[in-house]
Protein backbone atom coordinates (compact mmCIF):
# COMPACT_ATOMS: atom_id res chain seq x y z
CA MET A 1 -6.90 11.47 -5.27
CA SER A 2 -4.21 10.69 -2.74
CA ARG A 3 -3.63 9.99 0.91
CA GLU A 4 -0.64 9.77 3.25
CA VAL A 5 -0.14 6.56 5.24
CA LEU A 6 2.29 5.53 7.97
CA LEU A 7 4.08 2.16 7.76
CA LYS A 8 3.67 0.48 11.15
CA VAL A 9 5.15 -2.91 10.22
CA PRO A 10 8.24 -3.51 12.44
CA HIS A 11 10.46 -4.81 9.62
CA GLY A 12 9.25 -2.33 7.01
CA LEU A 13 7.58 -3.11 3.72
CA HIS A 14 8.64 -6.72 3.17
CA LEU A 15 7.07 -9.66 1.32
CA SER A 16 4.24 -10.47 3.74
CA PRO A 17 2.65 -6.99 3.88
CA ILE A 18 3.43 -6.49 0.20
CA SER A 19 1.45 -9.60 -0.73
CA GLN A 20 -1.50 -8.30 1.31
CA LEU A 21 -1.21 -4.90 -0.34
CA VAL A 22 -1.08 -6.35 -3.86
CA ARG A 23 -4.10 -8.57 -3.14
CA CYS A 24 -6.03 -5.55 -1.83
CA ALA A 25 -5.03 -3.23 -4.68
CA SER A 26 -5.78 -5.87 -7.32
CA ALA A 27 -9.39 -6.00 -6.18
CA PHE A 28 -9.90 -2.51 -7.65
CA GLY A 29 -9.98 -1.31 -11.22
CA SER A 30 -8.27 1.97 -10.38
CA SER A 31 -4.62 2.65 -11.02
CA ILE A 32 -2.93 2.73 -7.60
CA THR A 33 0.61 3.85 -6.82
CA LEU A 34 2.70 4.29 -3.68
CA GLU A 35 5.44 6.88 -3.41
CA PHE A 36 8.35 6.88 -0.97
CA ASP A 37 11.62 8.77 -0.98
CA GLY A 38 11.15 10.00 -4.55
CA ARG A 39 10.36 6.53 -5.92
CA THR A 40 6.97 5.42 -7.21
CA ALA A 41 5.61 1.86 -7.32
CA ASP A 42 2.57 0.22 -8.85
CA ALA A 43 0.57 -1.10 -5.86
CA LYS A 44 -0.40 -4.17 -7.91
CA SER A 45 3.23 -5.21 -8.50
CA VAL A 46 5.22 -7.15 -5.89
CA TYR A 47 8.45 -6.29 -7.69
CA ASP A 48 7.72 -2.55 -7.77
CA LEU A 49 6.78 -2.49 -4.08
CA MET A 50 9.92 -4.40 -3.05
CA GLN A 51 11.99 -1.73 -4.82
CA LEU A 52 10.56 0.97 -2.53
CA ALA A 53 12.44 -0.53 0.45
CA ALA A 54 10.27 1.49 2.83
CA PRO A 55 11.33 1.07 6.48
CA TYR A 56 9.27 1.02 9.66
CA GLY A 57 7.86 4.48 10.35
CA ALA A 58 7.98 5.61 6.73
CA ASN A 59 5.33 7.99 5.45
CA LEU A 60 4.10 6.96 2.03
CA LYS A 61 1.81 8.69 -0.41
CA VAL A 62 -0.90 6.47 -1.91
CA GLU A 63 -2.50 7.73 -5.09
CA ALA A 64 -5.47 6.20 -6.89
CA GLN A 65 -7.09 7.16 -10.18
CA GLY A 66 -10.24 5.58 -11.53
CA VAL A 67 -13.91 4.97 -10.84
CA ASP A 68 -13.32 3.18 -7.53
CA ALA A 69 -10.36 5.31 -6.38
CA GLU A 70 -12.00 6.44 -3.15
CA ALA A 71 -12.83 2.87 -2.09
CA ALA A 72 -9.33 1.72 -3.05
CA LEU A 73 -7.67 4.42 -0.94
CA SER A 74 -9.91 3.60 1.99
CA SER A 75 -9.12 -0.13 1.85
CA ILE A 76 -5.40 0.41 1.50
CA ALA A 77 -5.38 2.95 4.33
CA GLN A 78 -7.12 0.36 6.55
CA LEU A 79 -4.28 -2.10 5.88
CA PHE A 80 -1.69 0.48 6.88
CA ASP A 81 -3.69 1.71 9.89
CA GLY A 82 -4.05 -1.85 11.16
CA GLY A 83 -0.35 -2.64 10.74
CA PHE A 84 -1.20 -5.35 8.17
CA ILE A 85 -2.46 -7.61 10.94
CA VAL A 86 -4.66 -10.36 9.56
CA VAL A 87 -7.46 -11.61 11.81
CA THR A 88 -8.66 -15.13 11.06
CA ASP A 89 -11.64 -16.95 12.51
């Protein structure tokens, strides 16, 4: 299953949102990939995600395969929808 997401982070997909994305994706057993501009990256790999070089406003395709794919897509979409803003107590 797959889903399109919009990158709302002002400086694009850089180390801070990537670390959040990897942490989120790693919580799931499913295989999760992101695709941008003809390139595909493992969502559990910082190195792969850095290679995407996705800028602000980019549309990315997130694909997940596995038993918890739906939950994985939902969680990752929430990160993108929220602009990777972390709320702390």
